[in-house]
Amino acid sequence: MIMSKTIVLKQRPDGTPKNNDFEIINENQPSIKSGEILLKAKYVSVDPYLRGRMRDEESYIEPFKINKPIASTVVAEVVESKNEKYSEGDFLTGMLDWKEYQVHTGIICVM
């Protein structure tokens, strides 16, 4: 298993988001199974719409849940693969959690 850092929304910001609105937690990532890939995040997109998702208001996109990972467009590298469509070293992009490492099925865009 690999230890991975994850950024979660700890509380809804009051005004401008501050460091204490977030928390970095360490999680063990499970071993990958057949059809899965292990991704390592390389770049995380920080866009203005993320601020709206931090509020608990009705919008065109679901708000982030408290104590759950922030998610946005992420560029990630395949570091292990048990999916015939992807090889180690492939780069993928898609809507992913803000995790250093994560297991995925690979149904995201290939770069």
PDB file of N, CA and C in Angstrom:
ATOM      1  N   MET A   1       0.837  -1.191   0.000  1.00  0.00           N
ATOM      2  CA  MET A   1       0.000   0.000   0.000  1.00  0.00           C
ATOM      3  C   MET A   1       0.876   1.246   0.000  1.00  0.00           C
ATOM      4  N   ILE A   2       0.344   2.292  -0.585  1.00  0.00           N
ATOM      5  CA  ILE A   2       1.045   3.570  -0.666  1.00  0.00           C
ATOM      6  C   ILE A   2       0.328   4.575   0.223  1.00  0.00           C
ATOM      7  N   MET A   3       1.106   5.336   1.001  1.00  0.00           N
ATOM      8  CA  MET A   3       0.547   6.417   1.807  1.00  0.00           C
ATOM      9  C   MET A   3       0.389   7.631   0.895  1.00  0.00           C
ATOM     10  N   SER A   4      -0.774   8.268   0.956  1.00  0.00           N
ATOM     11  CA  SER A   4      -1.085   9.389   0.075  1.00  0.00           C
ATOM     12  C   SER A   4      -1.650  10.553   0.871  1.00  0.00           C
ATOM     13  N   LYS A   5      -1.238  11.756   0.519  1.00  0.00           N
ATOM     14  CA  LYS A   5      -1.802  12.967   1.122  1.00  0.00           C
ATOM     15  C   LYS A   5      -3.047  13.371   0.347  1.00  0.00           C
ATOM     16  N   THR A   6      -4.080  13.785   1.081  1.00  0.00           N
ATOM     17  CA  THR A   6      -5.348  14.209   0.489  1.00  0.00           C
ATOM     18  C   THR A   6      -5.744  15.542   1.102  1.00  0.00           C
ATOM     19  N   ILE A   7      -6.204  16.483   0.270  1.00  0.00           N
ATOM     20  CA  ILE A   7      -6.693  17.771   0.773  1.00  0.00           C
ATOM     21  C   ILE A   7      -8.208  17.709   0.842  1.00  0.00           C
ATOM     22  N   VAL A   8      -8.744  17.925   2.058  1.00  0.00           N
ATOM     23  CA  VAL A   8     -10.188  17.886   2.271  1.00  0.00           C
ATOM     24  C   VAL A   8     -10.686  19.252   2.732  1.00  0.00           C
ATOM     25  N   LEU A   9     -11.980  19.495   2.498  1.00  0.00           N
ATOM     26  CA  LEU A   9     -12.625  20.707   2.996  1.00  0.00           C
ATOM     27  C   LEU A   9     -13.045  20.436   4.433  1.00  0.00           C
ATOM     28  N   LYS A  10     -12.404  21.106   5.375  1.00  0.00           N
ATOM     29  CA  LYS A  10     -12.660  20.889   6.801  1.00  0.00           C
ATOM     30  C   LYS A  10     -13.903  21.629   7.272  1.00  0.00           C
ATOM     31  N   GLN A  11     -14.113  22.820   6.724  1.00  0.00           N
ATOM     32  CA  GLN A  11     -15.279  23.633   7.086  1.00  0.00           C
ATOM     33  C   GLN A  11     -15.567  24.600   5.951  1.00  0.00           C
ATOM     34  N   ARG A  12     -16.780  25.118   5.901  1.00  0.00           N
ATOM     35  CA  ARG A  12     -17.151  26.094   4.874  1.00  0.00           C
ATOM     36  C   ARG A  12     -16.485  27.428   5.202  1.00  0.00           C
ATOM     37  N   PRO A  13     -15.780  28.024   4.253  1.00  0.00           N
ATOM     38  CA  PRO A  13     -15.123  29.304   4.505  1.00  0.00           C
ATOM     39  C   PRO A  13     -16.130  30.411   4.819  1.00  0.00           C
ATOM     40  N   ASP A  14     -15.740  31.279   5.718  1.00  0.00           N
ATOM     41  CA  ASP A  14     -16.499  32.488   6.019  1.00  0.00           C
ATOM     42  C   ASP A  14     -15.719  33.621   5.367  1.00  0.00           C
ATOM     43  N   GLY A  15     -16.141  34.010   4.170  1.00  0.00           N
ATOM     44  CA  GLY A  15     -15.379  34.988   3.400  1.00  0.00           C
ATOM     45  C   GLY A  15     -14.307  34.280   2.591  1.00  0.00           C
ATOM     46  N   THR A  16     -13.145  34.899   2.510  1.00  0.00           N
ATOM     47  CA  THR A  16     -12.034  34.329   1.752  1.00  0.00           C
ATOM     48  C   THR A  16     -11.548  33.041   2.415  1.00  0.00           C
ATOM     49  N   PRO A  17     -11.348  31.977   1.643  1.00  0.00           N
ATOM     50  CA  PRO A  17     -10.854  30.731   2.236  1.00  0.00           C
ATOM     51  C   PRO A  17      -9.501  30.934   2.922  1.00  0.00           C
ATOM     52  N   LYS A  18      -9.352  30.267   4.066  1.00  0.00           N
ATOM     53  CA  LYS A  18      -8.117  30.343   4.849  1.00  0.00           C
ATOM     54  C   LYS A  18      -7.570  28.929   5.053  1.00  0.00           C
ATOM     55  N   ASN A  19      -6.319  28.848   5.445  1.00  0.00           N
ATOM     56  CA  ASN A  19      -5.685  27.541   5.641  1.00  0.00           C
ATOM     57  C   ASN A  19      -6.487  26.629   6.555  1.00  0.00           C
ATOM     58  N   ASN A  20      -7.092  27.185   7.621  1.00  0.00           N
ATOM     59  CA  ASN A  20      -7.810  26.333   8.574  1.00  0.00           C
ATOM     60  C   ASN A  20      -9.154  25.838   8.035  1.00  0.00           C
ATOM     61  N   ASP A  21      -9.545  26.243   6.828  1.00  0.00           N
ATOM     62  CA  ASP A  21     -10.758  25.709   6.188  1.00  0.00           C
ATOM     63  C   ASP A  21     -10.476  24.357   5.526  1.00  0.00           C
ATOM     64  N   PHE A  22      -9.207  23.997   5.445  1.00  0.00           N
ATOM     65  CA  PHE A  22      -8.782  22.771   4.774  1.00  0.00           C
ATOM     66  C   PHE A  22      -7.952  21.923   5.724  1.00  0.00           C
ATOM     67  N   GLU A  23      -7.808  20.670   5.366  1.00  0.00           N
ATOM     68  CA  GLU A  23      -6.956  19.784   6.150  1.00  0.00           C
ATOM     69  C   GLU A  23      -6.251  18.826   5.194  1.00  0.00           C
ATOM     70  N   ILE A  24      -4.999  18.548   5.482  1.00  0.00           N
ATOM     71  CA  ILE A  24      -4.256  17.541   4.728  1.00  0.00           C
ATOM     72  C   ILE A  24      -4.247  16.279   5.576  1.00  0.00           C
ATOM     73  N   ILE A  25      -4.798  15.219   5.019  1.00  0.00           N
ATOM     74  CA  ILE A  25      -4.833  13.949   5.742  1.00  0.00           C
ATOM     75  C   ILE A  25      -3.997  12.919   4.993  1.00  0.00           C
ATOM     76  N   ASN A  26      -3.480  11.965   5.723  1.00  0.00           N
ATOM     77  CA  ASN A  26      -2.728  10.860   5.130  1.00  0.00           C
ATOM     78  C   ASN A  26      -3.623   9.638   5.086  1.00  0.00           C
ATOM     79  N   GLU A  27      -3.678   9.004   3.921  1.00  0.00           N
ATOM     80  CA  GLU A  27      -4.513   7.822   3.731  1.00  0.00           C
ATOM     81  C   GLU A  27      -3.704   6.741   3.032  1.00  0.00           C
ATOM     82  N   ASN A  28      -3.959   5.501   3.389  1.00  0.00           N
ATOM     83  CA  ASN A  28      -3.391   4.378   2.643  1.00  0.00           C
ATOM     84  C   ASN A  28      -4.230   4.154   1.400  1.00  0.00           C
ATOM     85  N   GLN A  29      -3.570   4.055   0.267  1.00  0.00           N
ATOM     86  CA  GLN A  29      -4.264   3.723  -0.969  1.00  0.00           C
ATOM     87  C   GLN A  29      -4.225   2.213  -1.136  1.00  0.00           C
ATOM     88  N   PRO A  30      -5.364   1.594  -1.417  1.00  0.00           N
ATOM     89  CA  PRO A  30      -5.372   0.136  -1.570  1.00  0.00           C
ATOM     90  C   PRO A  30      -4.584  -0.296  -2.805  1.00  0.00           C
ATOM     91  N   SER A  31      -4.151  -1.533  -2.795  1.00  0.00           N
ATOM     92  CA  SER A  31      -3.494  -2.103  -3.975  1.00  0.00           C
ATOM     93  C   SER A  31      -4.495  -2.135  -5.121  1.00  0.00           C
ATOM     94  N   ILE A  32      -3.980  -1.957  -6.337  1.00  0.00           N
ATOM     95  CA  ILE A  32      -4.893  -1.954  -7.479  1.00  0.00           C
ATOM     96  C   ILE A  32      -5.302  -3.375  -7.847  1.00  0.00           C
ATOM     97  N   LYS A  33      -6.508  -3.458  -8.404  1.00  0.00           N
ATOM     98  CA  LYS A  33      -7.067  -4.736  -8.855  1.00  0.00           C
ATOM     99  C   LYS A  33      -7.087  -4.747 -10.381  1.00  0.00           C
ATOM    100  N   SER A  34      -7.481  -5.864 -10.927  1.00  0.00           N
ATOM    101  CA  SER A  34      -7.605  -5.996 -12.375  1.00  0.00           C
ATOM    102  C   SER A  34      -8.516  -4.902 -12.925  1.00  0.00           C
ATOM    103  N   GLY A  35      -8.056  -4.225 -13.977  1.00  0.00           N
ATOM    104  CA  GLY A  35      -8.829  -3.160 -14.610  1.00  0.00           C
ATOM    105  C   GLY A  35      -8.582  -1.782 -14.027  1.00  0.00           C
ATOM    106  N   GLU A  36      -7.755  -1.704 -12.976  1.00  0.00           N
ATOM    107  CA  GLU A  36      -7.513  -0.414 -12.320  1.00  0.00           C
ATOM    108  C   GLU A  36      -6.107   0.099 -12.616  1.00  0.00           C
ATOM    109  N   ILE A  37      -5.926   1.396 -12.317  1.00  0.00           N
ATOM    110  CA  ILE A  37      -4.623   2.045 -12.435  1.00  0.00           C
ATOM    111  C   ILE A  37      -4.365   2.850 -11.168  1.00  0.00           C
ATOM    112  N   LEU A  38      -3.090   3.043 -10.857  1.00  0.00           N
ATOM    113  CA  LEU A  38      -2.693   3.907  -9.749  1.00  0.00           C
ATOM    114  C   LEU A  38      -2.141   5.184 -10.358  1.00  0.00           C
ATOM    115  N   LEU A  39      -2.739   6.306  -9.976  1.00  0.00           N
ATOM    116  CA  LEU A  39      -2.356   7.609 -10.516  1.00  0.00           C
ATOM    117  C   LEU A  39      -1.599   8.424  -9.479  1.00  0.00           C
ATOM    118  N   LYS A  40      -0.633   9.201  -9.950  1.00  0.00           N
ATOM    119  CA  LYS A  40       0.054  10.180  -9.108  1.00  0.00           C
ATOM    120  C   LYS A  40      -0.236  11.555  -9.689  1.00  0.00           C
ATOM    121  N   ALA A  41      -0.831  12.419  -8.874  1.00  0.00           N
ATOM    122  CA  ALA A  41      -1.164  13.773  -9.328  1.00  0.00           C
ATOM    123  C   ALA A  41       0.111  14.554  -9.625  1.00  0.00           C
ATOM    124  N   LYS A  42       0.097  15.249 -10.759  1.00  0.00           N
ATOM    125  CA  LYS A  42       1.222  16.097 -11.150  1.00  0.00           C
ATOM    126  C   LYS A  42       0.833  17.575 -11.114  1.00  0.00           C
ATOM    127  N   TYR A  43      -0.386  17.879 -11.579  1.00  0.00           N
ATOM    128  CA  TYR A  43      -0.886  19.253 -11.610  1.00  0.00           C
ATOM    129  C   TYR A  43      -2.353  19.248 -11.204  1.00  0.00           C
ATOM    130  N   VAL A  44      -2.732  20.239 -10.409  1.00  0.00           N
ATOM    131  CA  VAL A  44      -4.119  20.402  -9.961  1.00  0.00           C
ATOM    132  C   VAL A  44      -4.587  21.772 -10.412  1.00  0.00           C
ATOM    133  N   SER A  45      -5.741  21.825 -11.047  1.00  0.00           N
ATOM    134  CA  SER A  45      -6.290  23.092 -11.517  1.00  0.00           C
ATOM    135  C   SER A  45      -7.049  23.780 -10.384  1.00  0.00           C
ATOM    136  N   VAL A  46      -6.670  25.024 -10.107  1.00  0.00           N
ATOM    137  CA  VAL A  46      -7.352  25.825  -9.081  1.00  0.00           C
ATOM    138  C   VAL A  46      -8.088  26.936  -9.826  1.00  0.00           C
ATOM    139  N   ASP A  47      -9.400  26.766  -9.962  1.00  0.00           N
ATOM    140  CA  ASP A  47     -10.226  27.659 -10.766  1.00  0.00           C
ATOM    141  C   ASP A  47     -11.221  28.421  -9.896  1.00  0.00           C
ATOM    142  N   PRO A  48     -11.694  29.594 -10.361  1.00  0.00           N
ATOM    143  CA  PRO A  48     -12.648  30.390  -9.583  1.00  0.00           C
ATOM    144  C   PRO A  48     -13.922  29.642  -9.179  1.00  0.00           C
ATOM    145  N   TYR A  49     -14.408  28.709 -10.008  1.00  0.00           N
ATOM    146  CA  TYR A  49     -15.656  28.018  -9.679  1.00  0.00           C
ATOM    147  C   TYR A  49     -15.536  27.175  -8.404  1.00  0.00           C
ATOM    148  N   LEU A  50     -14.306  26.824  -8.019  1.00  0.00           N
ATOM    149  CA  LEU A  50     -14.117  26.019  -6.809  1.00  0.00           C
ATOM    150  C   LEU A  50     -14.599  26.765  -5.570  1.00  0.00           C
ATOM    151  N   ARG A  51     -14.475  28.080  -5.581  1.00  0.00           N
ATOM    152  CA  ARG A  51     -14.941  28.884  -4.441  1.00  0.00           C
ATOM    153  C   ARG A  51     -16.439  28.692  -4.246  1.00  0.00           C
ATOM    154  N   GLY A  52     -17.205  28.674  -5.330  1.00  0.00           N
ATOM    155  CA  GLY A  52     -18.645  28.451  -5.232  1.00  0.00           C
ATOM    156  C   GLY A  52     -18.979  27.079  -4.690  1.00  0.00           C
ATOM    157  N   ARG A  53     -18.161  26.090  -5.003  1.00  0.00           N
ATOM    158  CA  ARG A  53     -18.409  24.726  -4.518  1.00  0.00           C
ATOM    159  C   ARG A  53     -18.115  24.580  -3.028  1.00  0.00           C
ATOM    160  N   MET A  54     -17.409  25.555  -2.465  1.00  0.00           N
ATOM    161  CA  MET A  54     -17.134  25.517  -1.025  1.00  0.00           C
ATOM    162  C   MET A  54     -18.327  25.986  -0.211  1.00  0.00           C
ATOM    163  N   ARG A  55     -19.262  26.677  -0.870  1.00  0.00           N
ATOM    164  CA  ARG A  55     -20.484  27.132  -0.189  1.00  0.00           C
ATOM    165  C   ARG A  55     -21.539  26.039  -0.278  1.00  0.00           C
ATOM    166  N   ASP A  56     -22.402  25.989   0.699  1.00  0.00           N
ATOM    167  CA  ASP A  56     -23.489  25.001   0.703  1.00  0.00           C
ATOM    168  C   ASP A  56     -24.739  25.654   0.128  1.00  0.00           C
ATOM    169  N   GLU A  57     -24.680  25.938  -1.175  1.00  0.00           N
ATOM    170  CA  GLU A  57     -25.784  26.606  -1.860  1.00  0.00           C
ATOM    171  C   GLU A  57     -26.115  25.849  -3.139  1.00  0.00           C
ATOM    172  N   GLU A  58     -27.364  25.960  -3.563  1.00  0.00           N
ATOM    173  CA  GLU A  58     -27.764  25.342  -4.821  1.00  0.00           C
ATOM    174  C   GLU A  58     -27.057  26.050  -5.968  1.00  0.00           C
ATOM    175  N   SER A  59     -26.535  25.260  -6.886  1.00  0.00           N
ATOM    176  CA  SER A  59     -25.783  25.810  -8.006  1.00  0.00           C
ATOM    177  C   SER A  59     -25.838  24.813  -9.161  1.00  0.00           C
ATOM    178  N   TYR A  60     -25.143  25.143 -10.223  1.00  0.00           N
ATOM    179  CA  TYR A  60     -25.084  24.254 -11.384  1.00  0.00           C
ATOM    180  C   TYR A  60     -24.223  23.024 -11.106  1.00  0.00           C
ATOM    181  N   ILE A  61     -23.463  23.043 -10.017  1.00  0.00           N
ATOM    182  CA  ILE A  61     -22.589  21.926  -9.665  1.00  0.00           C
ATOM    183  C   ILE A  61     -22.687  21.689  -8.161  1.00  0.00           C
ATOM    184  N   GLU A  62     -22.611  20.437  -7.766  1.00  0.00           N
ATOM    185  CA  GLU A  62     -22.769  20.055  -6.364  1.00  0.00           C
ATOM    186  C   GLU A  62     -21.677  20.663  -5.482  1.00  0.00           C
ATOM    187  N   PRO A  63     -22.043  21.149  -4.284  1.00  0.00           N
ATOM    188  CA  PRO A  63     -21.018  21.678  -3.379  1.00  0.00           C
ATOM    189  C   PRO A  63     -20.124  20.560  -2.837  1.00  0.00           C
ATOM    190  N   PHE A  64     -18.911  20.939  -2.445  1.00  0.00           N
ATOM    191  CA  PHE A  64     -18.023  19.979  -1.797  1.00  0.00           C
ATOM    192  C   PHE A  64     -18.631  19.563  -0.467  1.00  0.00           C
ATOM    193  N   LYS A  65     -18.381  18.328  -0.077  1.00  0.00           N
ATOM    194  CA  LYS A  65     -18.848  17.825   1.211  1.00  0.00           C
ATOM    195  C   LYS A  65     -17.757  18.045   2.257  1.00  0.00           C
ATOM    196  N   ILE A  66     -18.175  18.365   3.471  1.00  0.00           N
ATOM    197  CA  ILE A  66     -17.231  18.571   4.566  1.00  0.00           C
ATOM    198  C   ILE A  66     -16.494  17.254   4.849  1.00  0.00           C
ATOM    199  N   ASN A  67     -15.202  17.367   5.099  1.00  0.00           N
ATOM    200  CA  ASN A  67     -14.308  16.239   5.397  1.00  0.00           C
ATOM    201  C   ASN A  67     -14.159  15.249   4.241  1.00  0.00           C
ATOM    202  N   LYS A  68     -14.462  15.721   3.041  1.00  0.00           N
ATOM    203  CA  LYS A  68     -14.259  14.928   1.828  1.00  0.00           C
ATOM    204  C   LYS A  68     -13.276  15.678   0.934  1.00  0.00           C
ATOM    205  N   PRO A  69     -12.602  14.979   0.009  1.00  0.00           N
ATOM    206  CA  PRO A  69     -11.601  15.634  -0.832  1.00  0.00           C
ATOM    207  C   PRO A  69     -12.173  16.724  -1.738  1.00  0.00           C
ATOM    208  N   ILE A  70     -11.359  17.752  -1.940  1.00  0.00           N
ATOM    209  CA  ILE A  70     -11.615  18.741  -2.976  1.00  0.00           C
ATOM    210  C   ILE A  70     -11.364  18.012  -4.305  1.00  0.00           C
ATOM    211  N   ALA A  71     -12.089  18.375  -5.345  1.00  0.00           N
ATOM    212  CA  ALA A  71     -11.881  17.764  -6.660  1.00  0.00           C
ATOM    213  C   ALA A  71     -11.907  18.851  -7.725  1.00  0.00           C
ATOM    214  N   SER A  72     -11.096  18.674  -8.729  1.00  0.00           N
ATOM    215  CA  SER A  72     -11.088  19.563  -9.892  1.00  0.00           C
ATOM    216  C   SER A  72     -10.353  18.825 -11.012  1.00  0.00           C
ATOM    217  N   THR A  73     -10.049  19.541 -12.078  1.00  0.00           N
ATOM    218  CA  THR A  73      -9.287  18.930 -13.157  1.00  0.00           C
ATOM    219  C   THR A  73      -7.859  18.688 -12.669  1.00  0.00           C
ATOM    220  N   VAL A  74      -7.397  17.464 -12.854  1.00  0.00           N
ATOM    221  CA  VAL A  74      -6.063  17.065 -12.403  1.00  0.00           C
ATOM    222  C   VAL A  74      -5.341  16.392 -13.570  1.00  0.00           C
ATOM    223  N   VAL A  75      -4.059  16.685 -13.709  1.00  0.00           N
ATOM    224  CA  VAL A  75      -3.200  15.939 -14.625  1.00  0.00           C
ATOM    225  C   VAL A  75      -2.441  14.942 -13.758  1.00  0.00           C
ATOM    226  N   ALA A  76      -2.520  13.662 -14.126  1.00  0.00           N
ATOM    227  CA  ALA A  76      -1.904  12.611 -13.318  1.00  0.00           C
ATOM    228  C   ALA A  76      -1.129  11.643 -14.205  1.00  0.00           C
ATOM    229  N   GLU A  77      -0.121  11.031 -13.603  1.00  0.00           N
ATOM    230  CA  GLU A  77       0.689  10.029 -14.294  1.00  0.00           C
ATOM    231  C   GLU A  77       0.307   8.638 -13.797  1.00  0.00           C
ATOM    232  N   VAL A  78       0.216   7.701 -14.718  1.00  0.00           N
ATOM    233  CA  VAL A  78      -0.026   6.307 -14.348  1.00  0.00           C
ATOM    234  C   VAL A  78       1.287   5.753 -13.794  1.00  0.00           C
ATOM    235  N   VAL A  79       1.278   5.340 -12.514  1.00  0.00           N
ATOM    236  CA  VAL A  79       2.495   4.788 -11.911  1.00  0.00           C
ATOM    237  C   VAL A  79       2.426   3.268 -11.771  1.00  0.00           C
ATOM    238  N   GLU A  80       1.225   2.708 -11.892  1.00  0.00           N
ATOM    239  CA  GLU A  80       1.043   1.254 -11.904  1.00  0.00           C
ATOM    240  C   GLU A  80      -0.242   0.967 -12.657  1.00  0.00           C
ATOM    241  N   SER A  81      -0.258  -0.091 -13.443  1.00  0.00           N
ATOM    242  CA  SER A  81      -1.443  -0.396 -14.240  1.00  0.00           C
ATOM    243  C   SER A  81      -1.751  -1.886 -14.270  1.00  0.00           C
ATOM    244  N   LYS A  82      -3.017  -2.192 -14.064  1.00  0.00           N
ATOM    245  CA  LYS A  82      -3.560  -3.529 -14.308  1.00  0.00           C
ATOM    246  C   LYS A  82      -4.746  -3.379 -15.255  1.00  0.00           C
ATOM    247  N   ASN A  83      -4.635  -2.373 -16.127  1.00  0.00           N
ATOM    248  CA  ASN A  83      -5.651  -2.069 -17.124  1.00  0.00           C
ATOM    249  C   ASN A  83      -4.940  -2.051 -18.475  1.00  0.00           C
ATOM    250  N   GLU A  84      -5.349  -2.903 -19.382  1.00  0.00           N
ATOM    251  CA  GLU A  84      -4.648  -3.046 -20.668  1.00  0.00           C
ATOM    252  C   GLU A  84      -4.641  -1.774 -21.507  1.00  0.00           C
ATOM    253  N   LYS A  85      -5.511  -0.820 -21.202  1.00  0.00           N
ATOM    254  CA  LYS A  85      -5.575   0.422 -21.984  1.00  0.00           C
ATOM    255  C   LYS A  85      -4.514   1.438 -21.568  1.00  0.00           C
ATOM    256  N   TYR A  86      -3.897   1.238 -20.398  1.00  0.00           N
ATOM    257  CA  TYR A  86      -2.969   2.236 -19.866  1.00  0.00           C
ATOM    258  C   TYR A  86      -1.661   1.582 -19.451  1.00  0.00           C
ATOM    259  N   SER A  87      -0.568   2.314 -19.667  1.00  0.00           N
ATOM    260  CA  SER A  87       0.768   1.835 -19.301  1.00  0.00           C
ATOM    261  C   SER A  87       1.395   2.797 -18.309  1.00  0.00           C
ATOM    262  N   GLU A  88       2.346   2.292 -17.531  1.00  0.00           N
ATOM    263  CA  GLU A  88       3.102   3.171 -16.647  1.00  0.00           C
ATOM    264  C   GLU A  88       3.708   4.287 -17.485  1.00  0.00           C
ATOM    265  N   GLY A  89       3.639   5.505 -16.966  1.00  0.00           N
ATOM    266  CA  GLY A  89       4.181   6.658 -17.678  1.00  0.00           C
ATOM    267  C   GLY A  89       3.160   7.413 -18.502  1.00  0.00           C
ATOM    268  N   ASP A  90       1.979   6.823 -18.740  1.00  0.00           N
ATOM    269  CA  ASP A  90       0.915   7.557 -19.438  1.00  0.00           C
ATOM    270  C   ASP A  90       0.451   8.721 -18.567  1.00  0.00           C
ATOM    271  N   PHE A  91       0.060   9.807 -19.215  1.00  0.00           N
ATOM    272  CA  PHE A  91      -0.519  10.940 -18.505  1.00  0.00           C
ATOM    273  C   PHE A  91      -1.993  11.031 -18.852  1.00  0.00           C
ATOM    274  N   LEU A  92      -2.813  11.255 -17.830  1.00  0.00           N
ATOM    275  CA  LEU A  92      -4.260  11.361 -17.993  1.00  0.00           C
ATOM    276  C   LEU A  92      -4.730  12.655 -17.357  1.00  0.00           C
ATOM    277  N   THR A  93      -5.882  13.121 -17.788  1.00  0.00           N
ATOM    278  CA  THR A  93      -6.490  14.276 -17.146  1.00  0.00           C
ATOM    279  C   THR A  93      -7.973  14.021 -16.985  1.00  0.00           C
ATOM    280  N   GLY A  94      -8.529  14.604 -15.946  1.00  0.00           N
ATOM    281  CA  GLY A  94      -9.956  14.448 -15.691  1.00  0.00           C
ATOM    282  C   GLY A  94     -10.319  15.046 -14.348  1.00  0.00           C
ATOM    283  N   MET A  95     -11.590  14.942 -13.989  1.00  0.00           N
ATOM    284  CA  MET A  95     -12.070  15.429 -12.702  1.00  0.00           C
ATOM    285  C   MET A  95     -11.693  14.392 -11.645  1.00  0.00           C
ATOM    286  N   LEU A  96     -10.705  14.730 -10.840  1.00  0.00           N
ATOM    287  CA  LEU A  96     -10.177  13.813  -9.830  1.00  0.00           C
ATOM    288  C   LEU A  96     -10.075  14.513  -8.483  1.00  0.00           C
ATOM    289  N   ASP A  97      -9.996  13.712  -7.434  1.00  0.00           N
ATOM    290  CA  ASP A  97      -9.800  14.259  -6.091  1.00  0.00           C
ATOM    291  C   ASP A  97      -8.391  14.820  -5.960  1.00  0.00           C
ATOM    292  N   TRP A  98      -8.237  15.747  -5.014  1.00  0.00           N
ATOM    293  CA  TRP A  98      -6.921  16.297  -4.725  1.00  0.00           C
ATOM    294  C   TRP A  98      -6.194  15.322  -3.806  1.00  0.00           C
ATOM    295  N   LYS A  99      -5.673  14.274  -4.401  1.00  0.00           N
ATOM    296  CA  LYS A  99      -4.927  13.245  -3.697  1.00  0.00           C
ATOM    297  C   LYS A  99      -3.580  13.088  -4.384  1.00  0.00           C
ATOM    298  N   GLU A 100      -2.567  12.854  -3.591  1.00  0.00           N
ATOM    299  CA  GLU A 100      -1.246  12.613  -4.157  1.00  0.00           C
ATOM    300  C   GLU A 100      -1.271  11.355  -5.031  1.00  0.00           C
ATOM    301  N   TYR A 101      -1.871  10.287  -4.522  1.00  0.00           N
ATOM    302  CA  TYR A 101      -2.052   9.035  -5.259  1.00  0.00           C
ATOM    303  C   TYR A 101      -3.509   8.627  -5.159  1.00  0.00           C
ATOM    304  N   GLN A 102      -4.045   8.004  -6.220  1.00  0.00           N
ATOM    305  CA  GLN A 102      -5.393   7.455  -6.152  1.00  0.00           C
ATOM    306  C   GLN A 102      -5.570   6.337  -7.161  1.00  0.00           C
ATOM    307  N   VAL A 103      -6.424   5.405  -6.772  1.00  0.00           N
ATOM    308  CA  VAL A 103      -6.764   4.275  -7.633  1.00  0.00           C
ATOM    309  C   VAL A 103      -7.951   4.686  -8.485  1.00  0.00           C
ATOM    310  N   HIS A 104      -7.895   4.329  -9.771  1.00  0.00           N
ATOM    311  CA  HIS A 104      -8.954   4.734 -10.697  1.00  0.00           C
ATOM    312  C   HIS A 104      -9.133   3.650 -11.751  1.00  0.00           C
ATOM    313  N   THR A 105     -10.289   3.669 -12.407  1.00  0.00           N
ATOM    314  CA  THR A 105     -10.535   2.713 -13.493  1.00  0.00           C
ATOM    315  C   THR A 105      -9.962   3.197 -14.814  1.00  0.00           C
ATOM    316  N   GLY A 106      -9.643   4.495 -14.899  1.00  0.00           N
ATOM    317  CA  GLY A 106      -9.044   5.024 -16.110  1.00  0.00           C
ATOM    318  C   GLY A 106     -10.025   5.618 -17.086  1.00  0.00           C
ATOM    319  N   ILE A 107     -11.285   5.750 -16.702  1.00  0.00           N
ATOM    320  CA  ILE A 107     -12.270   6.325 -17.619  1.00  0.00           C
ATOM    321  C   ILE A 107     -12.181   7.849 -17.532  1.00  0.00           C
ATOM    322  N   ILE A 108     -11.065   8.374 -17.989  1.00  0.00           N
ATOM    323  CA  ILE A 108     -10.825   9.809 -18.060  1.00  0.00           C
ATOM    324  C   ILE A 108     -10.037  10.072 -19.335  1.00  0.00           C
ATOM    325  N   CYS A 109      -9.738  11.325 -19.617  1.00  0.00           N
ATOM    326  CA  CYS A 109      -9.064  11.676 -20.872  1.00  0.00           C
ATOM    327  C   CYS A 109      -7.587  11.292 -20.839  1.00  0.00           C
ATOM    328  N   VAL A 110      -7.089  10.850 -21.967  1.00  0.00           N
ATOM    329  CA  VAL A 110      -5.670  10.526 -22.123  1.00  0.00           C
ATOM    330  C   VAL A 110      -4.991  11.702 -22.804  1.00  0.00           C
ATOM    331  N   MET A 111      -3.817  12.060 -22.325  1.00  0.00           N
ATOM    332  CA  MET A 111      -3.070  13.169 -22.924  1.00  0.00           C
ATOM    333  C   MET A 111      -2.046  12.630 -23.896  1.00  0.00           C
TER     334      MET A 111
END
